[in-house]
């Protein structure tokens, strides 16, 4: 068994505005039994220079740090796999390089995992839309501590697909040969999250906020408008890969009804974009889920009405609705 409690893997790509805060929060962890793995995915800004300066302020951490370099940008999925191959800790933790964490995160989570003999421990997080705490929204990740319930929670969108608010025993990755798909760079962690929870024997929820998810970075993969087409393709590939995995899973559980919810959860972003482009994508992507949405008692009357207009190609009427909504938002902002 490794003497290192946890390997923290941080893919890094052009985050010079955020890497200092992220690295400081990691180096100030109350736990000393940590391995830090930063994967430079072909940065061409000052991210690595800033990281080195931060390290010099924490000299006791330098022996614990590995910096792995890709000569060119290969995408976050490949960077994650590079980090995994070099990890030696009993647990794997992930931090995105524009986010930051509570300084007790890995101490508390590793202790709970050890005490409860859990394969996975996960916690709540804040979505941070600004630096002021008033702009932080708590995202509670409550779910039954059962692998099937957790898989369903991820499929339904009740749980966030990220791995960043959890630690996972490394042997789970190794034993089941779980890696990230190199051709999927959006929702790549949701696919892996589902696989890990599918195979986990015991999972434990920690009902506290220890992770701060940066929603201010407009250049991130998920936020940048120039990535929208690739994001859509990656999202579709991810949902299809999840379905293929669960349909052939050794447990023989029927998730077919949950697949509808997974498709709707993915489409939800485009529906609530309230743009003609978003509505058109919602109509065309996984159209087999549309009828369920329109007939579900959980769908509000307003959303059913919009959905009916979308599936019946009422684009002129929808365009008028969008303009009216924008006018109302302008006067009441």
Protein backbone atom coordinates (compact mmCIF):
# COMPACT_ATOMS: atom_id res chain seq x y z
CA UNK A 1 0.00 0.00 0.00
CA UNK A 2 1.25 3.47 -0.90
CA UNK A 3 2.52 5.66 1.92
CA UNK A 4 1.08 8.68 0.11
CA UNK A 5 -2.52 9.33 1.11
CA UNK A 6 -3.70 11.22 -1.96
CA UNK A 7 -2.50 12.28 -5.38
CA UNK A 8 -4.04 15.59 -6.43
CA UNK A 9 -4.08 15.91 -10.22
CA UNK A 10 -4.39 19.38 -11.77
CA UNK A 11 -4.58 19.77 -15.58
CA UNK A 12 -3.19 23.21 -16.49
CA UNK A 13 -3.89 25.13 -19.68
CA UNK A 14 -3.65 28.92 -20.00
CA UNK A 15 -4.99 29.87 -16.57
CA UNK A 16 -2.53 32.62 -15.62
CA UNK A 17 -5.37 34.64 -14.04
CA UNK A 18 -6.34 31.83 -11.67
CA UNK A 19 -3.43 29.42 -11.09
CA UNK A 20 -1.97 31.34 -8.13
CA UNK A 21 -5.17 31.12 -6.08
CA UNK A 22 -5.60 27.46 -6.99
CA UNK A 23 -2.00 26.48 -6.15
CA UNK A 24 -2.00 28.41 -2.86
CA UNK A 25 -5.17 26.63 -1.74
CA UNK A 26 -3.50 23.30 -2.51
CA UNK A 27 -0.15 24.02 -0.88
CA UNK A 28 -1.92 25.28 2.25
CA UNK A 29 -3.67 21.97 2.84
CA UNK A 30 -3.57 20.82 6.46
CA UNK A 31 -2.48 17.37 5.30
CA UNK A 32 1.21 16.75 4.64
CA UNK A 33 0.75 13.33 3.08
CA UNK A 34 0.02 14.60 -0.42
CA UNK A 35 1.39 14.22 -3.93
CA UNK A 36 0.74 17.13 -6.31
CA UNK A 37 0.65 16.40 -10.03
CA UNK A 38 0.35 19.41 -12.35
CA UNK A 39 -0.05 18.50 -16.02
CA UNK A 40 1.02 21.32 -18.32
CA UNK A 41 -1.11 20.73 -21.41
CA UNK A 42 0.90 22.92 -23.76
CA UNK A 43 0.38 26.28 -22.01
CA UNK A 44 1.58 29.32 -23.95
CA UNK A 45 0.77 31.91 -21.29
CA UNK A 46 2.49 32.49 -17.91
CA UNK A 47 0.67 29.73 -15.99
CA UNK A 48 3.79 27.63 -15.37
CA UNK A 49 5.91 30.66 -14.49
CA UNK A 50 3.35 31.72 -11.90
CA UNK A 51 3.10 28.17 -10.55
CA UNK A 52 6.89 28.06 -10.05
CA UNK A 53 6.78 31.36 -8.16
CA UNK A 54 4.01 30.07 -5.91
CA UNK A 55 6.02 26.89 -5.22
CA UNK A 56 8.98 29.00 -4.09
CA UNK A 57 6.77 30.42 -1.32
CA UNK A 58 6.05 26.87 -0.08
CA UNK A 59 9.52 25.20 -0.18
CA UNK A 60 8.37 22.31 2.02
CA UNK A 61 5.92 21.31 -0.73
CA UNK A 62 8.43 21.26 -3.60
CA UNK A 63 9.52 17.61 -3.05
CA UNK A 64 5.83 16.61 -3.25
CA UNK A 65 5.27 18.27 -6.65
CA UNK A 66 5.44 16.66 -10.08
CA UNK A 67 5.11 18.87 -13.15
CA UNK A 68 4.42 16.87 -16.30
CA UNK A 69 4.65 18.60 -19.69
CA UNK A 70 2.83 18.06 -22.97
CA UNK A 71 4.70 19.74 -25.83
CA UNK A 72 1.40 20.65 -27.47
CA UNK A 73 -2.16 21.01 -26.24
CA UNK A 74 -3.78 17.56 -26.26
CA UNK A 75 -7.00 18.31 -24.39
CA UNK A 76 -8.09 17.91 -20.80
CA UNK A 77 -8.96 14.21 -21.14
CA UNK A 78 -5.43 13.30 -22.26
CA UNK A 79 -3.98 15.54 -19.54
CA UNK A 80 -6.05 13.70 -16.93
CA UNK A 81 -4.77 10.35 -18.21
CA UNK A 82 -1.18 11.59 -18.04
CA UNK A 83 -1.74 12.56 -14.42
CA UNK A 84 -3.34 9.22 -13.59
CA UNK A 85 -0.41 7.27 -15.03
CA UNK A 86 2.00 9.07 -12.67
CA UNK A 87 -0.17 9.01 -9.54
CA UNK A 88 0.95 6.84 -6.62
CA UNK A 89 -1.41 7.86 -3.79
CA UNK A 90 -4.02 5.59 -2.20
CA UNK A 91 -6.66 8.07 -3.30
CA UNK A 92 -7.02 10.27 -6.38
CA UNK A 93 -8.29 13.83 -6.08
CA UNK A 94 -8.92 16.26 -8.93
CA UNK A 95 -8.78 20.05 -8.95
CA UNK A 96 -9.39 22.24 -12.00
CA UNK A 97 -6.67 24.87 -12.27
CA UNK A 98 -9.08 27.83 -12.26
CA UNK A 99 -10.89 26.62 -9.10
CA UNK A 100 -9.79 26.59 -5.46
CA UNK A 101 -10.37 24.43 -2.39
CA UNK A 102 -10.78 24.65 1.37
CA UNK A 103 -7.48 24.02 3.14
CA UNK A 104 -8.93 21.03 5.04
CA UNK A 105 -10.43 19.32 1.99
CA UNK A 106 -8.03 16.43 1.53
CA UNK A 107 -7.27 15.94 5.23
CA UNK A 108 -10.94 15.59 6.13
CA UNK A 109 -11.94 13.51 3.12
CA UNK A 110 -9.04 11.06 3.37
CA UNK A 111 -9.68 10.59 7.09
CA UNK A 112 -13.36 9.88 6.44
CA UNK A 113 -12.50 7.49 3.61
CA UNK A 114 -10.05 5.59 5.83
CA UNK A 115 -12.41 5.45 8.82
CA UNK A 116 -15.38 4.27 6.76
CA UNK A 117 -13.36 2.11 4.32
CA UNK A 118 -15.05 3.96 1.45
CA UNK A 119 -14.03 3.73 -2.18
CA UNK A 120 -15.45 7.21 -2.80
CA UNK A 121 -16.10 10.23 -0.59
CA UNK A 122 -17.81 13.29 -2.04
CA UNK A 123 -18.83 16.70 -0.71
CA UNK A 124 -20.81 19.83 -1.58
CA UNK A 125 -19.38 22.80 -3.47
CA UNK A 126 -19.99 26.47 -4.26
CA UNK A 127 -20.60 27.79 -7.77
CA UNK A 128 -18.69 31.09 -7.60
CA UNK A 129 -19.95 33.78 -9.98
CA UNK A 130 -17.80 36.48 -8.35
CA UNK A 131 -15.24 37.00 -5.61
CA UNK A 132 -17.84 38.18 -3.11
CA UNK A 133 -19.42 35.41 -1.03
CA UNK A 134 -22.83 36.86 -1.87
CA UNK A 135 -22.17 35.68 -5.44
CA UNK A 136 -21.60 32.06 -4.39
CA UNK A 137 -24.36 29.50 -4.73
CA UNK A 138 -24.16 26.29 -2.73
CA UNK A 139 -24.68 23.13 -4.77
CA UNK A 140 -25.80 20.39 -2.41
CA UNK A 141 -24.81 16.93 -3.58
CA UNK A 142 -27.06 14.87 -1.32
CA UNK A 143 -27.79 11.36 -2.56
CA UNK A 144 -28.21 7.88 -1.13
CA UNK A 145 -24.84 6.33 -0.34
CA UNK A 146 -25.43 3.50 -2.78
CA UNK A 147 -23.62 2.95 -6.07
CA UNK A 148 -26.77 2.43 -8.17
CA UNK A 149 -28.50 5.46 -6.62
CA UNK A 150 -25.38 7.53 -7.34
CA UNK A 151 -25.30 6.39 -10.97
CA UNK A 152 -28.96 7.35 -11.32
CA UNK A 153 -28.31 10.68 -9.61
CA UNK A 154 -25.62 11.44 -12.17
CA UNK A 155 -27.83 10.36 -15.07
CA UNK A 156 -30.73 12.53 -13.89
CA UNK A 157 -28.48 15.55 -13.33
CA UNK A 158 -29.23 15.60 -9.59
CA UNK A 159 -25.51 15.17 -8.92
CA UNK A 160 -22.77 17.14 -10.63
CA UNK A 161 -20.72 15.02 -13.02
CA UNK A 162 -17.40 16.48 -11.91
CA UNK A 163 -14.79 14.45 -10.03
CA UNK A 164 -13.42 17.56 -8.33
CA UNK A 165 -15.60 17.35 -5.23
CA UNK A 166 -14.57 13.77 -4.45
CA UNK A 167 -11.69 11.47 -3.72
CA UNK A 168 -11.58 7.93 -5.11
CA UNK A 169 -9.40 4.95 -4.25
CA UNK A 170 -6.80 4.62 -6.97
CA UNK A 171 -7.25 0.86 -7.12
CA UNK A 172 -10.75 1.46 -8.54
CA UNK A 173 -9.20 3.11 -11.61
CA UNK A 174 -6.53 0.42 -11.90
CA UNK A 175 -8.68 -2.66 -11.24
CA UNK A 176 -11.32 -1.67 -13.80
CA UNK A 177 -8.96 0.00 -16.27
CA UNK A 178 -10.85 3.30 -16.05
CA UNK A 179 -9.36 6.06 -18.17
CA UNK A 180 -10.71 9.20 -19.81
CA UNK A 181 -11.74 9.06 -23.48
CA UNK A 182 -9.15 11.12 -25.34
CA UNK A 183 -11.72 12.28 -27.90
CA UNK A 184 -14.13 13.71 -25.28
CA UNK A 185 -13.08 16.96 -23.59
CA UNK A 186 -16.47 18.08 -22.29
CA UNK A 187 -18.29 15.91 -19.72
CA UNK A 188 -15.27 13.59 -19.86
CA UNK A 189 -15.36 13.39 -16.07
CA UNK A 190 -19.09 12.51 -15.98
CA UNK A 191 -18.45 9.31 -17.93
CA UNK A 192 -15.62 8.37 -15.56
CA UNK A 193 -17.69 9.38 -12.50
CA UNK A 194 -20.42 6.97 -13.56
CA UNK A 195 -17.96 4.13 -14.12
CA UNK A 196 -16.31 4.67 -10.73
CA UNK A 197 -19.61 4.76 -8.86
CA UNK A 198 -20.88 1.74 -10.76
CA UNK A 199 -17.97 -0.35 -9.48
CA UNK A 200 -17.65 1.19 -6.00
CA UNK A 201 -18.44 -1.02 -3.03
CA UNK A 202 -18.96 1.82 -0.56
CA UNK A 203 -19.52 5.55 -1.03
CA UNK A 204 -19.81 8.19 1.69
CA UNK A 205 -21.29 11.68 1.51
CA UNK A 206 -19.66 14.54 3.41
CA UNK A 207 -22.35 17.25 3.84
CA UNK A 208 -19.99 20.23 3.88
CA UNK A 209 -18.64 22.64 1.27
CA UNK A 210 -14.95 22.17 0.56
CA UNK A 211 -14.69 22.99 -3.16
CA UNK A 212 -15.08 26.33 -4.96
CA UNK A 213 -16.06 26.01 -8.61
CA UNK A 214 -15.02 29.08 -10.60
CA UNK A 215 -17.85 30.27 -12.87
CA UNK A 216 -16.03 33.52 -13.69
CA UNK A 217 -13.62 32.05 -16.24
CA UNK A 218 -15.19 32.92 -19.60
CA UNK A 219 -12.31 31.23 -21.43
CA UNK A 220 -12.89 27.77 -19.95
CA UNK A 221 -13.95 24.92 -22.21
CA UNK A 222 -17.49 25.01 -20.86
CA UNK A 223 -17.89 28.81 -21.06
CA UNK A 224 -16.12 29.90 -24.23
CA UNK A 225 -18.55 30.52 -27.17
CA UNK A 226 -15.91 29.38 -29.68
CA UNK A 227 -16.08 25.88 -28.19
CA UNK A 228 -19.88 25.48 -28.54
CA UNK A 229 -19.82 23.19 -31.59
CA UNK A 230 -17.16 20.90 -30.14
CA UNK A 231 -18.90 20.95 -26.75
CA UNK A 232 -22.12 19.75 -28.38
CA UNK A 233 -20.33 16.94 -30.21
CA UNK A 234 -18.46 15.89 -27.06
CA UNK A 235 -21.64 15.97 -24.97
CA UNK A 236 -23.48 13.71 -27.42
CA UNK A 237 -20.53 11.30 -27.54
CA UNK A 238 -20.41 11.25 -23.74
CA UNK A 239 -24.12 10.42 -23.34
CA UNK A 240 -23.85 7.66 -25.94
CA UNK A 241 -20.74 6.25 -24.24
CA UNK A 242 -22.49 6.25 -20.85
CA UNK A 243 -25.49 4.40 -22.31
CA UNK A 244 -23.25 1.84 -24.04
CA UNK A 245 -21.34 1.21 -20.81
CA UNK A 246 -24.45 0.75 -18.64
CA UNK A 247 -26.30 -1.37 -21.21
CA UNK A 248 -23.48 -3.91 -21.19
CA UNK A 249 -22.64 -3.61 -17.48
CA UNK A 250 -21.98 -6.79 -15.54
CA UNK A 251 -24.59 -5.93 -12.89
CA UNK A 252 -27.43 -6.38 -15.39
CA UNK A 253 -29.41 -3.38 -14.09
CA UNK A 254 -32.04 -1.86 -16.37
CA UNK A 255 -31.25 1.85 -16.69
CA UNK A 256 -33.37 2.38 -19.83
CA UNK A 257 -35.78 4.81 -18.15
CA UNK A 258 -32.85 6.68 -16.64
CA UNK A 259 -31.34 7.16 -20.11
CA UNK A 260 -34.29 9.39 -21.03
CA UNK A 261 -33.53 11.58 -18.01
CA UNK A 262 -29.83 11.67 -18.96
CA UNK A 263 -30.70 12.91 -22.43
CA UNK A 264 -33.09 15.52 -21.06
CA UNK A 265 -30.53 16.69 -18.49
CA UNK A 266 -28.05 17.22 -21.32
CA UNK A 267 -30.63 19.01 -23.48
CA UNK A 268 -31.74 21.22 -20.60
CA UNK A 269 -28.87 23.69 -21.14
CA UNK A 270 -30.02 24.36 -24.70
CA UNK A 271 -33.69 24.66 -23.73
CA UNK A 272 -32.95 27.23 -21.04
CA UNK A 273 -30.58 29.21 -23.25
CA UNK A 274 -33.79 30.78 -24.57
CA UNK A 275 -32.27 31.40 -28.00
CA UNK A 276 -33.44 30.16 -31.40
CA UNK A 277 -30.15 28.30 -31.87
CA UNK A 278 -30.55 26.63 -28.48
CA UNK A 279 -34.16 25.67 -29.21
CA UNK A 280 -33.16 24.17 -32.58
CA UNK A 281 -30.43 22.09 -30.95
CA UNK A 282 -32.91 20.96 -28.25
CA UNK A 283 -35.31 19.85 -30.97
CA UNK A 284 -32.75 17.85 -32.96
CA UNK A 285 -30.54 16.26 -30.29
CA UNK A 286 -31.93 13.02 -28.84
CA UNK A 287 -35.43 13.81 -30.23
CA UNK A 288 -36.79 10.58 -28.71
CA UNK A 289 -36.72 12.33 -25.32
CA UNK A 290 -38.88 15.28 -26.42
CA UNK A 291 -42.22 13.54 -26.07
CA UNK A 292 -41.40 12.44 -22.53
CA UNK A 293 -40.56 16.05 -21.63
CA UNK A 294 -43.84 17.33 -23.10
CA UNK A 295 -45.97 14.76 -21.28
CA UNK A 296 -44.15 14.68 -17.94
CA UNK A 297 -46.10 16.07 -14.96
CA UNK A 298 -42.79 17.45 -13.73
CA UNK A 299 -42.64 19.82 -16.73
CA UNK A 300 -44.20 23.20 -16.02
CA UNK A 301 -47.04 24.50 -18.20
CA UNK A 302 -44.78 27.28 -19.53
CA UNK A 303 -42.04 24.82 -20.54
CA UNK A 304 -44.56 22.44 -22.11
CA UNK A 305 -45.89 25.36 -24.16
CA UNK A 306 -42.40 26.33 -25.32
CA UNK A 307 -41.62 22.68 -26.06
CA UNK A 308 -44.76 22.34 -28.18
CA UNK A 309 -43.77 25.40 -30.18
CA UNK A 310 -40.28 23.97 -30.72
CA UNK A 311 -41.38 20.52 -31.91
CA UNK A 312 -43.99 22.13 -34.20
CA UNK A 313 -41.46 24.53 -35.77
CA UNK A 314 -43.19 27.71 -34.57
CA UNK A 315 -40.00 29.71 -35.05
CA UNK A 316 -41.61 33.10 -35.75
CA UNK A 317 -43.68 32.87 -32.58
CA UNK A 318 -40.65 31.69 -30.60
CA UNK A 319 -38.60 34.58 -31.99
CA UNK A 320 -41.26 37.02 -30.74
CA UNK A 321 -41.24 35.34 -27.31
CA UNK A 322 -37.45 35.69 -27.11
CA UNK A 323 -37.60 39.39 -28.04
CA UNK A 324 -40.37 40.04 -25.50
CA UNK A 325 -38.41 38.25 -22.78
CA UNK A 326 -35.28 40.28 -23.57
CA UNK A 327 -37.24 43.54 -23.40
CA UNK A 328 -38.70 42.56 -20.02
CA UNK A 329 -35.26 41.58 -18.71
CA UNK A 330 -33.83 44.91 -19.91
CA UNK A 331 -36.36 46.99 -18.00
CA UNK A 332 -36.31 44.86 -14.86
CA UNK A 333 -32.61 44.11 -14.53
